Structures are given as C-alpha cells and as structure tokens.
Amino acid sequence: MRIVDHTSDDGPDYQDHNRSLVWIEQTNERLIALERVYPAGFEVPVHSHSRTQLWFARKGIVLVNTDGRRWMIPPGHALVIPSNYRHSAEMISEVHMQSIYWDLPEGSPAHPRVVEVTPLAQNLIGELVNVEKRPERYHRLSLVTDLLLDEFEQFPERPLGLPFPNHAGLAKLCRHFLSAPTAATSIDDWARELKTSRRTFTRRFREETGISFTQWRQQACVFASLPRLAEGQSVTTVALDAGYENIAAFSTMFRRILGRPPRTYLS
C-alpha cells in the first residue's frame, strides 16, 4: 500500500491531475489513497481509471458528469465510479477531496452510484490519507484497509444521480430547471415549450431519462437544494424558493428520497 498526497499550496492544476492519473495506472499497490483541495470552479477534464474510484467529498460539493447523467456529491458522501468509466467533474464550492482507488470484485455494479460514507469509514479514509509513511506502519495500514473495504459494503446508496436526456430541447429545459428549480413546474408547461402534446412529452421524457417527469422534478429539486443547504441557508428559504407551499411538503419529499429530513441530512 502507498499513500500519496498531491495537494500543493497553490492548489491543483491540470499537470498535477495528469501526473496523478499516470501514477494511479502504473502502481501495483493494492489500494491507493489520495487527498487534494480543489478551488471553487475548478474543472477536471474527461478521463477514466483502470480501478474503481471512491470520490469522497469531505467538505464542499462536487458535480460529476458522465454520459447522460449528472451526480451530485454533497459533504459526507462519495461517488463510486467503476473502472474505465469516463467522467469529468466541476467543483461547485471549495472541495476537500479524498479518493480511494482499488479493484472491486467481479459482479459489482457497472454504473456509478452515490453513497453516504459512514462515520467509521470517514475516519478510516482519514487515517489512510494522513498516516505517516513509515515501513513500520504498514501492518496497521493493512488492517485499516481491510476494515475499510469491509465497511464499504455498509454504505447506503443515495439517489443523487440525475439522468439527463439526449434530446436537445429536453436537455435545455432540464439545465434551466436546475438553475431555478420549482415544484410548480408541470408537464403541460414543458409540453408547451416543446410545442408537443402532453402524451407525447410524457412518453419521450420517460424514454430519454428512464423515469417519469414527476420523479425527475422531485429529484432535481433535492439535487439543486443540497448546495444551498450545505452553505447554511435555512430550510424555509430553500423550500419556498423551490416552489413548495410549506416546509412540511418539502421535508416530506426530501425524506422520501434521501431517508431523513433536510435539517439533519447535512449535519
């Protein structure tokens, strides 16, 4: 095992990123742990890894793009990116990233998924990226690695992946919605924008995204609310801005999707 920290005082640049990719591909270590601080607005270009990556956002919010899908990683969560899966990333805020690279066993899911990192795993990841790099510590690192890989199986999956349509008109409406989400937006509103019937719109939207418009709108509202909640904005303000008539309706929807109410989710 080897622990690497590519963080510099000036922050990462694309050369740092490319050097990291080369090192990750060349090493034969069982598990790689890497830590870095990204400034807000930094973009990681499209790339892939020959190993599975656990992209853990200890602080800050990341938007990862894959083919036809966007994945929001709020604090305390991670995106599991399968090996050889092409992706890019954008930092919505300053991000303290800790990544783990390893080989998943055969039969593991072949698609990305957002997971909530358990408190135990957060501590184990912190140990791996910060431990002193001395030979006498390798036995301890091996034990930490074994425990982390076992704990990985306990991570609850969270529906923070938002499918995006390929249809240009639908994609434009989806991008606009994320910039100003509102629960009041209806199927009829979007059907009129595309100059099509409600029935045609409903069928096309499900064909393009795999879910209904209502499901997509609810997930998108949660998706767009997380950065604001993470910044400390009140649930009331976020709920009303999203077009909900009261906090209870917003909290009910939030709990149904993410398992617990917004007041406690990012605490």
C-alpha atoms as a PDB file:
ATOM      1  CA  MET A   1       0.000   0.000   0.000  1.00  0.00           C
ATOM      2  CA  ARG A   2       1.168   3.530  -0.635  1.00  0.00           C
ATOM      3  CA  ILE A   3      -0.327   6.820   0.488  1.00  0.00           C
ATOM      4  CA  VAL A   4       0.004   9.846  -1.788  1.00  0.00           C
ATOM      5  CA  ASP A   5      -0.839  13.489  -1.260  1.00  0.00           C
ATOM      6  CA  HIS A   6      -0.657  15.682  -4.354  1.00  0.00           C
ATOM      7  CA  THR A   7      -2.015  18.810  -2.679  1.00  0.00           C
ATOM      8  CA  SER A   8       0.128  21.922  -3.151  1.00  0.00           C
ATOM      9  CA  ASP A   9      -0.026  25.366  -1.618  1.00  0.00           C
ATOM     10  CA  ASP A  10      -1.071  26.807  -4.970  1.00  0.00           C
ATOM     11  CA  GLY A  11      -3.858  24.271  -5.414  1.00  0.00           C
ATOM     12  CA  PRO A  12      -4.105  21.596  -8.128  1.00  0.00           C
ATOM     13  CA  ASP A  13      -3.635  22.207 -11.811  1.00  0.00           C
ATOM     14  CA  TYR A  14      -4.120  20.052 -14.885  1.00  0.00           C
ATOM     15  CA  GLN A  15      -0.497  18.886 -14.842  1.00  0.00           C
ATOM     16  CA  ASP A  16      -0.997  17.664 -11.262  1.00  0.00           C
ATOM     17  CA  HIS A  17      -4.104  15.824 -12.401  1.00  0.00           C
ATOM     18  CA  ASN A  18      -2.353  14.175 -15.339  1.00  0.00           C
ATOM     19  CA  ARG A  19       0.588  13.126 -13.169  1.00  0.00           C
ATOM     20  CA  SER A  20      -1.832  11.564 -10.706  1.00  0.00           C
ATOM     21  CA  LEU A  21      -3.547   9.609 -13.486  1.00  0.00           C
ATOM     22  CA  VAL A  22      -0.233   8.249 -14.725  1.00  0.00           C
ATOM     23  CA  TRP A  23       0.833   7.234 -11.199  1.00  0.00           C
ATOM     24  CA  ILE A  24      -2.515   5.550 -10.468  1.00  0.00           C
ATOM     25  CA  GLU A  25      -2.231   3.486 -13.647  1.00  0.00           C
ATOM     26  CA  GLN A  26       1.391   2.463 -13.074  1.00  0.00           C
ATOM     27  CA  THR A  27       1.350   1.440  -9.423  1.00  0.00           C
ATOM     28  CA  ASN A  28       0.740  -2.160  -8.353  1.00  0.00           C
ATOM     29  CA  GLU A  29      -0.324  -1.215  -4.840  1.00  0.00           C
ATOM     30  CA  ARG A  30      -3.446  -2.930  -3.506  1.00  0.00           C
ATOM     31  CA  LEU A  31      -5.149   0.339  -2.583  1.00  0.00           C
ATOM     32  CA  ILE A  32      -4.305   3.958  -3.323  1.00  0.00           C
ATOM     33  CA  ALA A  33      -5.390   6.881  -1.150  1.00  0.00           C
ATOM     34  CA  LEU A  34      -5.153  10.411  -2.477  1.00  0.00           C
ATOM     35  CA  GLU A  35      -6.104  13.762  -0.933  1.00  0.00           C
ATOM     36  CA  ARG A  36      -6.460  17.149  -2.594  1.00  0.00           C
ATOM     37  CA  VAL A  37      -8.114  20.546  -2.122  1.00  0.00           C
ATOM     38  CA  TYR A  38      -9.816  21.947  -5.206  1.00  0.00           C
ATOM     39  CA  PRO A  39     -10.841  25.615  -5.505  1.00  0.00           C
ATOM     40  CA  ALA A  40     -14.410  26.535  -6.400  1.00  0.00           C
ATOM     41  CA  GLY A  41     -14.979  26.430 -10.147  1.00  0.00           C
ATOM     42  CA  PHE A  42     -12.105  24.033 -10.863  1.00  0.00           C
ATOM     43  CA  GLU A  43     -12.978  21.560 -13.618  1.00  0.00           C
ATOM     44  CA  VAL A  44     -11.479  18.115 -14.047  1.00  0.00           C
ATOM     45  CA  PRO A  45     -11.481  17.071 -17.731  1.00  0.00           C
ATOM     46  CA  VAL A  46     -12.956  13.825 -19.028  1.00  0.00           C
ATOM     47  CA  HIS A  47     -10.880  10.805 -18.025  1.00  0.00           C
ATOM     48  CA  SER A  48     -11.150   7.293 -16.613  1.00  0.00           C
ATOM     49  CA  HIS A  49      -9.244   4.903 -14.316  1.00  0.00           C
ATOM     50  CA  SER A  50      -8.447   1.227 -14.625  1.00  0.00           C
ATOM     51  CA  ARG A  51      -9.557   0.862 -10.986  1.00  0.00           C
ATOM     52  CA  THR A  52     -12.742   1.711  -9.155  1.00  0.00           C
ATOM     53  CA  GLN A  53     -12.636   5.153  -7.533  1.00  0.00           C
ATOM     54  CA  LEU A  54     -14.405   6.235  -4.349  1.00  0.00           C
ATOM     55  CA  TRP A  55     -14.609  10.035  -4.853  1.00  0.00           C
ATOM     56  CA  PHE A  56     -15.270  11.241  -1.287  1.00  0.00           C
ATOM     57  CA  ALA A  57     -16.161  14.881  -0.632  1.00  0.00           C
ATOM     58  CA  ARG A  58     -15.130  15.516   2.974  1.00  0.00           C
ATOM     59  CA  LYS A  59     -16.011  19.189   2.522  1.00  0.00           C
ATOM     60  CA  GLY A  60     -17.667  21.027  -0.342  1.00  0.00           C
ATOM     61  CA  ILE A  61     -19.907  19.956  -3.211  1.00  0.00           C
ATOM     62  CA  VAL A  62     -18.919  18.309  -6.491  1.00  0.00           C
ATOM     63  CA  LEU A  63     -20.838  17.807  -9.713  1.00  0.00           C
ATOM     64  CA  VAL A  64     -19.627  14.790 -11.698  1.00  0.00           C
ATOM     65  CA  ASN A  65     -20.725  14.318 -15.292  1.00  0.00           C
ATOM     66  CA  THR A  66     -20.968  11.007 -17.100  1.00  0.00           C
ATOM     67  CA  ASP A  67     -22.709  10.141 -20.349  1.00  0.00           C
ATOM     68  CA  GLY A  68     -26.243  11.469 -19.997  1.00  0.00           C
ATOM     69  CA  ARG A  69     -26.144  11.785 -16.215  1.00  0.00           C
ATOM     70  CA  ARG A  70     -25.038  14.178 -13.506  1.00  0.00           C
ATOM     71  CA  TRP A  71     -24.106  13.146  -9.998  1.00  0.00           C
ATOM     72  CA  MET A  72     -24.169  15.487  -7.020  1.00  0.00           C
ATOM     73  CA  ILE A  73     -21.712  14.689  -4.228  1.00  0.00           C
ATOM     74  CA  PRO A  74     -22.524  16.715  -1.093  1.00  0.00           C
ATOM     75  CA  PRO A  75     -20.374  16.661   2.061  1.00  0.00           C
ATOM     76  CA  GLY A  76     -20.138  13.267   3.715  1.00  0.00           C
ATOM     77  CA  HIS A  77     -20.948  11.423   0.503  1.00  0.00           C
ATOM     78  CA  ALA A  78     -18.961   9.738  -2.229  1.00  0.00           C
ATOM     79  CA  LEU A  79     -19.427   8.677  -5.818  1.00  0.00           C
ATOM     80  CA  VAL A  80     -18.388   5.133  -6.630  1.00  0.00           C
ATOM     81  CA  ILE A  81     -17.001   5.324 -10.177  1.00  0.00           C
ATOM     82  CA  PRO A  82     -16.477   1.912 -11.814  1.00  0.00           C
ATOM     83  CA  SER A  83     -13.221   1.136 -13.569  1.00  0.00           C
ATOM     84  CA  ASN A  84     -12.813   2.504 -17.104  1.00  0.00           C
ATOM     85  CA  TYR A  85     -15.907   4.700 -16.724  1.00  0.00           C
ATOM     86  CA  ARG A  86     -15.359   8.082 -18.412  1.00  0.00           C
ATOM     87  CA  HIS A  87     -16.290  11.095 -16.314  1.00  0.00           C
ATOM     88  CA  SER A  88     -15.495  14.742 -15.619  1.00  0.00           C
ATOM     89  CA  ALA A  89     -16.060  16.918 -12.551  1.00  0.00           C
ATOM     90  CA  GLU A  90     -16.827  20.502 -11.566  1.00  0.00           C
ATOM     91  CA  MET A  91     -16.289  21.973  -8.108  1.00  0.00           C
ATOM     92  CA  ILE A  92     -19.406  23.874  -7.015  1.00  0.00           C
ATOM     93  CA  SER A  93     -17.532  25.172  -3.968  1.00  0.00           C
ATOM     94  CA  GLU A  94     -14.067  24.649  -2.495  1.00  0.00           C
ATOM     95  CA  VAL A  95     -13.765  20.904  -2.139  1.00  0.00           C
ATOM     96  CA  HIS A  96     -11.632  18.796   0.183  1.00  0.00           C
ATOM     97  CA  MET A  97     -11.428  15.556  -1.781  1.00  0.00           C
ATOM     98  CA  GLN A  98     -10.206  12.203  -0.528  1.00  0.00           C
ATOM     99  CA  SER A  99     -10.185   9.409  -3.091  1.00  0.00           C
ATOM    100  CA  ILE A 100      -9.641   5.698  -2.738  1.00  0.00           C
ATOM    101  CA  TYR A 101      -8.699   3.528  -5.747  1.00  0.00           C
ATOM    102  CA  TRP A 102      -8.958  -0.247  -5.639  1.00  0.00           C
ATOM    103  CA  ASP A 103     -10.215  -3.260  -7.605  1.00  0.00           C
ATOM    104  CA  LEU A 104     -13.807  -4.242  -6.953  1.00  0.00           C
ATOM    105  CA  PRO A 105     -14.653  -7.945  -7.221  1.00  0.00           C
ATOM    106  CA  GLU A 106     -16.314  -9.268 -10.350  1.00  0.00           C
ATOM    107  CA  GLY A 107     -20.072  -8.883 -10.388  1.00  0.00           C
ATOM    108  CA  SER A 108     -20.025  -5.431  -8.751  1.00  0.00           C
ATOM    109  CA  PRO A 109     -22.373  -2.790 -10.227  1.00  0.00           C
ATOM    110  CA  ALA A 110     -21.069  -1.429 -13.524  1.00  0.00           C
ATOM    111  CA  HIS A 111     -22.628   2.004 -13.121  1.00  0.00           C
ATOM    112  CA  PRO A 112     -21.742   4.957 -10.842  1.00  0.00           C
ATOM    113  CA  ARG A 113     -23.698   5.440  -7.638  1.00  0.00           C
ATOM    114  CA  VAL A 114     -23.701   7.978  -4.822  1.00  0.00           C
ATOM    115  CA  VAL A 115     -23.259   6.527  -1.346  1.00  0.00           C
ATOM    116  CA  GLU A 116     -23.331   8.031   2.113  1.00  0.00           C
ATOM    117  CA  VAL A 117     -19.969   7.401   3.791  1.00  0.00           C
ATOM    118  CA  THR A 118     -20.416   6.044   7.302  1.00  0.00           C
ATOM    119  CA  PRO A 119     -18.657   7.782  10.213  1.00  0.00           C
ATOM    120  CA  LEU A 120     -16.375   4.768  10.675  1.00  0.00           C
ATOM    121  CA  ALA A 121     -15.347   4.851   7.014  1.00  0.00           C
ATOM    122  CA  GLN A 122     -14.716   8.590   7.155  1.00  0.00           C
ATOM    123  CA  ASN A 123     -12.261   8.016   9.982  1.00  0.00           C
ATOM    124  CA  LEU A 124     -10.609   5.124   8.161  1.00  0.00           C
ATOM    125  CA  ILE A 125     -10.188   7.165   4.968  1.00  0.00           C
ATOM    126  CA  GLY A 126      -8.724   9.995   7.021  1.00  0.00           C
ATOM    127  CA  GLU A 127      -6.257   7.541   8.531  1.00  0.00           C
ATOM    128  CA  LEU A 128      -5.176   6.305   5.106  1.00  0.00           C
ATOM    129  CA  VAL A 129      -4.523   9.730   3.600  1.00  0.00           C
ATOM    130  CA  ASN A 130      -2.831  11.224   6.657  1.00  0.00           C
ATOM    131  CA  VAL A 131      -0.845   8.395   8.215  1.00  0.00           C
ATOM    132  CA  GLU A 132       2.920   8.743   8.415  1.00  0.00           C
ATOM    133  CA  LYS A 133       4.596   6.880   5.571  1.00  0.00           C
ATOM    134  CA  ARG A 134       6.957   4.632   7.516  1.00  0.00           C
ATOM    135  CA  PRO A 135       7.588   0.923   6.885  1.00  0.00           C
ATOM    136  CA  GLU A 136       6.720   0.001  10.458  1.00  0.00           C
ATOM    137  CA  ARG A 137       3.235   1.397   9.914  1.00  0.00           C
ATOM    138  CA  TYR A 138       2.400  -0.909   7.004  1.00  0.00           C
ATOM    139  CA  HIS A 139       0.835  -3.601   9.195  1.00  0.00           C
ATOM    140  CA  ARG A 140      -1.542  -1.024  10.674  1.00  0.00           C
ATOM    141  CA  LEU A 141      -2.341   0.297   7.202  1.00  0.00           C
ATOM    142  CA  SER A 142      -3.177  -3.210   6.065  1.00  0.00           C
ATOM    143  CA  LEU A 143      -5.620  -3.610   8.952  1.00  0.00           C
ATOM    144  CA  VAL A 144      -7.208  -0.216   8.214  1.00  0.00           C
ATOM    145  CA  THR A 145      -7.548  -1.148   4.551  1.00  0.00           C
ATOM    146  CA  ASP A 146      -9.228  -4.462   5.330  1.00  0.00           C
ATOM    147  CA  LEU A 147     -11.692  -2.768   7.677  1.00  0.00           C
ATOM    148  CA  LEU A 148     -12.464  -0.001   5.161  1.00  0.00           C
ATOM    149  CA  LEU A 149     -13.151  -2.471   2.345  1.00  0.00           C
ATOM    150  CA  ASP A 150     -15.435  -4.420   4.663  1.00  0.00           C
ATOM    151  CA  GLU A 151     -17.219  -1.237   5.789  1.00  0.00           C
ATOM    152  CA  PHE A 152     -17.712  -0.219   2.135  1.00  0.00           C
ATOM    153  CA  GLU A 153     -20.396  -2.898   1.899  1.00  0.00           C
ATOM    154  CA  GLN A 154     -22.418  -0.992   4.530  1.00  0.00           C
ATOM    155  CA  PHE A 155     -22.598   2.310   2.643  1.00  0.00           C
ATOM    156  CA  PRO A 156     -26.243   3.246   1.956  1.00  0.00           C
ATOM    157  CA  GLU A 157     -26.875   4.271  -1.649  1.00  0.00           C
ATOM    158  CA  ARG A 158     -28.494   7.678  -2.199  1.00  0.00           C
ATOM    159  CA  PRO A 159     -30.451   8.730  -5.325  1.00  0.00           C
ATOM    160  CA  LEU A 160     -28.322  11.747  -6.185  1.00  0.00           C
ATOM    161  CA  GLY A 161     -27.730  10.808  -9.800  1.00  0.00           C
ATOM    162  CA  LEU A 162     -29.875  12.854 -12.134  1.00  0.00           C
ATOM    163  CA  PRO A 163     -30.451  11.419 -15.633  1.00  0.00           C
ATOM    164  CA  PHE A 164     -30.183  13.924 -18.467  1.00  0.00           C
ATOM    165  CA  PRO A 165     -31.928  13.465 -21.833  1.00  0.00           C
ATOM    166  CA  ASN A 166     -30.075  13.492 -25.129  1.00  0.00           C
ATOM    167  CA  HIS A 167     -32.922  15.366 -26.828  1.00  0.00           C
ATOM    168  CA  ALA A 168     -31.635  18.941 -27.238  1.00  0.00           C
ATOM    169  CA  GLY A 169     -34.901  20.634 -26.306  1.00  0.00           C
ATOM    170  CA  LEU A 170     -35.453  18.493 -23.218  1.00  0.00           C
ATOM    171  CA  ALA A 171     -31.841  18.874 -22.116  1.00  0.00           C
ATOM    172  CA  LYS A 172     -32.131  22.662 -22.367  1.00  0.00           C
ATOM    173  CA  LEU A 173     -35.243  22.646 -20.183  1.00  0.00           C
ATOM    174  CA  CYS A 174     -33.549  20.362 -17.642  1.00  0.00           C
ATOM    175  CA  ARG A 175     -30.478  22.596 -17.387  1.00  0.00           C
ATOM    176  CA  HIS A 176     -32.666  25.674 -16.939  1.00  0.00           C
ATOM    177  CA  PHE A 177     -34.708  23.896 -14.271  1.00  0.00           C
ATOM    178  CA  LEU A 178     -31.594  23.100 -12.232  1.00  0.00           C
ATOM    179  CA  SER A 179     -30.632  26.781 -12.230  1.00  0.00           C
ATOM    180  CA  ALA A 180     -34.084  27.762 -10.904  1.00  0.00           C
ATOM    181  CA  PRO A 181     -35.953  24.666  -9.629  1.00  0.00           C
ATOM    182  CA  THR A 182     -39.623  24.942  -8.782  1.00  0.00           C
ATOM    183  CA  ALA A 183     -42.083  22.240  -7.774  1.00  0.00           C
ATOM    184  CA  ALA A 184     -44.794  24.230  -9.554  1.00  0.00           C
ATOM    185  CA  THR A 185     -43.412  23.333 -12.994  1.00  0.00           C
ATOM    186  CA  SER A 186     -45.849  20.998 -14.735  1.00  0.00           C
ATOM    187  CA  ILE A 187     -45.837  18.571 -17.631  1.00  0.00           C
ATOM    188  CA  ASP A 188     -48.114  20.934 -19.537  1.00  0.00           C
ATOM    189  CA  ASP A 189     -45.604  23.797 -19.115  1.00  0.00           C
ATOM    190  CA  TRP A 190     -42.787  21.789 -20.682  1.00  0.00           C
ATOM    191  CA  ALA A 191     -45.010  20.267 -23.358  1.00  0.00           C
ATOM    192  CA  ARG A 192     -45.966  23.789 -24.463  1.00  0.00           C
ATOM    193  CA  GLU A 193     -42.308  24.832 -24.525  1.00  0.00           C
ATOM    194  CA  LEU A 194     -41.571  21.942 -26.885  1.00  0.00           C
ATOM    195  CA  LYS A 195     -44.776  22.503 -28.882  1.00  0.00           C
ATOM    196  CA  THR A 196     -45.916  18.949 -28.370  1.00  0.00           C
ATOM    197  CA  SER A 197     -48.820  17.154 -26.726  1.00  0.00           C
ATOM    198  CA  ARG A 198     -48.824  16.120 -23.083  1.00  0.00           C
ATOM    199  CA  ARG A 199     -48.942  12.450 -24.079  1.00  0.00           C
ATOM    200  CA  THR A 200     -46.014  12.735 -26.491  1.00  0.00           C
ATOM    201  CA  PHE A 201     -43.971  14.701 -23.981  1.00  0.00           C
ATOM    202  CA  THR A 202     -44.608  12.160 -21.199  1.00  0.00           C
ATOM    203  CA  ARG A 203     -43.592   9.241 -23.404  1.00  0.00           C
ATOM    204  CA  ARG A 204     -40.486  10.976 -24.748  1.00  0.00           C
ATOM    205  CA  PHE A 205     -39.332  12.115 -21.298  1.00  0.00           C
ATOM    206  CA  ARG A 206     -39.504   8.585 -19.888  1.00  0.00           C
ATOM    207  CA  GLU A 207     -37.755   7.160 -22.950  1.00  0.00           C
ATOM    208  CA  GLU A 208     -34.939   9.718 -22.595  1.00  0.00           C
ATOM    209  CA  THR A 209     -34.424   9.551 -18.827  1.00  0.00           C
ATOM    210  CA  GLY A 210     -35.859   6.224 -17.689  1.00  0.00           C
ATOM    211  CA  ILE A 211     -38.096   7.887 -15.068  1.00  0.00           C
ATOM    212  CA  SER A 212     -41.267   9.970 -15.064  1.00  0.00           C
ATOM    213  CA  PHE A 213     -41.239  13.755 -15.225  1.00  0.00           C
ATOM    214  CA  THR A 214     -42.618  13.962 -11.670  1.00  0.00           C
ATOM    215  CA  GLN A 215     -39.857  11.719 -10.309  1.00  0.00           C
ATOM    216  CA  TRP A 216     -37.226  13.723 -12.187  1.00  0.00           C
ATOM    217  CA  ARG A 217     -38.608  17.046 -10.917  1.00  0.00           C
ATOM    218  CA  GLN A 218     -38.578  15.845  -7.300  1.00  0.00           C
ATOM    219  CA  GLN A 219     -35.026  14.516  -7.560  1.00  0.00           C
ATOM    220  CA  ALA A 220     -33.907  17.701  -9.316  1.00  0.00           C
ATOM    221  CA  CYS A 221     -35.362  19.847  -6.524  1.00  0.00           C
ATOM    222  CA  VAL A 222     -33.363  17.856  -3.952  1.00  0.00           C
ATOM    223  CA  PHE A 223     -30.324  17.932  -6.236  1.00  0.00           C
ATOM    224  CA  ALA A 224     -30.459  21.726  -6.503  1.00  0.00           C
ATOM    225  CA  SER A 225     -31.251  22.295  -2.820  1.00  0.00           C
ATOM    226  CA  LEU A 226     -28.211  20.474  -1.413  1.00  0.00           C
ATOM    227  CA  PRO A 227     -25.600  23.146  -2.255  1.00  0.00           C
ATOM    228  CA  ARG A 228     -27.734  25.847  -0.624  1.00  0.00           C
ATOM    229  CA  LEU A 229     -28.418  23.749   2.471  1.00  0.00           C
ATOM    230  CA  ALA A 230     -24.725  22.920   2.724  1.00  0.00           C
ATOM    231  CA  GLU A 231     -23.963  26.658   2.634  1.00  0.00           C
ATOM    232  CA  GLY A 232     -26.154  27.080   5.717  1.00  0.00           C
ATOM    233  CA  GLN A 233     -29.256  28.579   4.123  1.00  0.00           C
ATOM    234  CA  SER A 234     -32.451  27.860   6.038  1.00  0.00           C
ATOM    235  CA  VAL A 235     -34.744  25.027   5.042  1.00  0.00           C
ATOM    236  CA  THR A 236     -37.611  27.521   4.922  1.00  0.00           C
ATOM    237  CA  THR A 237     -35.875  29.749   2.373  1.00  0.00           C
ATOM    238  CA  VAL A 238     -34.802  26.833   0.186  1.00  0.00           C
ATOM    239  CA  ALA A 239     -38.265  25.226   0.308  1.00  0.00           C
ATOM    240  CA  LEU A 240     -40.144  28.403  -0.583  1.00  0.00           C
ATOM    241  CA  ASP A 241     -37.701  29.280  -3.370  1.00  0.00           C
ATOM    242  CA  ALA A 242     -38.261  25.797  -4.789  1.00  0.00           C
ATOM    243  CA  GLY A 243     -41.994  26.472  -5.069  1.00  0.00           C
ATOM    244  CA  TYR A 244     -43.206  24.437  -2.103  1.00  0.00           C
ATOM    245  CA  GLU A 245     -46.135  25.917  -0.221  1.00  0.00           C
ATOM    246  CA  ASN A 246     -44.750  24.914   3.166  1.00  0.00           C
ATOM    247  CA  ILE A 247     -41.708  23.337   4.804  1.00  0.00           C
ATOM    248  CA  ALA A 248     -43.606  20.141   5.629  1.00  0.00           C
ATOM    249  CA  ALA A 249     -44.211  19.315   1.950  1.00  0.00           C
ATOM    250  CA  PHE A 250     -40.561  19.919   1.086  1.00  0.00           C
ATOM    251  CA  SER A 251     -39.310  17.933   4.081  1.00  0.00           C
ATOM    252  CA  THR A 252     -41.621  15.006   3.255  1.00  0.00           C
ATOM    253  CA  MET A 253     -40.309  14.858  -0.308  1.00  0.00           C
ATOM    254  CA  PHE A 254     -36.707  15.223   0.900  1.00  0.00           C
ATOM    255  CA  ARG A 255     -37.118  12.447   3.478  1.00  0.00           C
ATOM    256  CA  ARG A 256     -38.733  10.117   0.929  1.00  0.00           C
ATOM    257  CA  ILE A 257     -35.767  10.488  -1.433  1.00  0.00           C
ATOM    258  CA  LEU A 258     -32.828  10.702   0.997  1.00  0.00           C
ATOM    259  CA  GLY A 259     -34.076   8.885   4.061  1.00  0.00           C
ATOM    260  CA  ARG A 260     -34.151  11.720   6.570  1.00  0.00           C
ATOM    261  CA  PRO A 261     -35.248  15.384   6.760  1.00  0.00           C
ATOM    262  CA  PRO A 262     -33.139  18.268   5.431  1.00  0.00           C
ATOM    263  CA  ARG A 263     -32.446  19.714   8.888  1.00  0.00           C
ATOM    264  CA  THR A 264     -30.398  16.653   9.843  1.00  0.00           C
ATOM    265  CA  TYR A 265     -29.149  15.342   6.492  1.00  0.00           C
ATOM    266  CA  LEU A 266     -26.042  17.513   6.194  1.00  0.00           C
ATOM    267  CA  SER A 267     -25.366  17.900   9.897  1.00  0.00           C
END
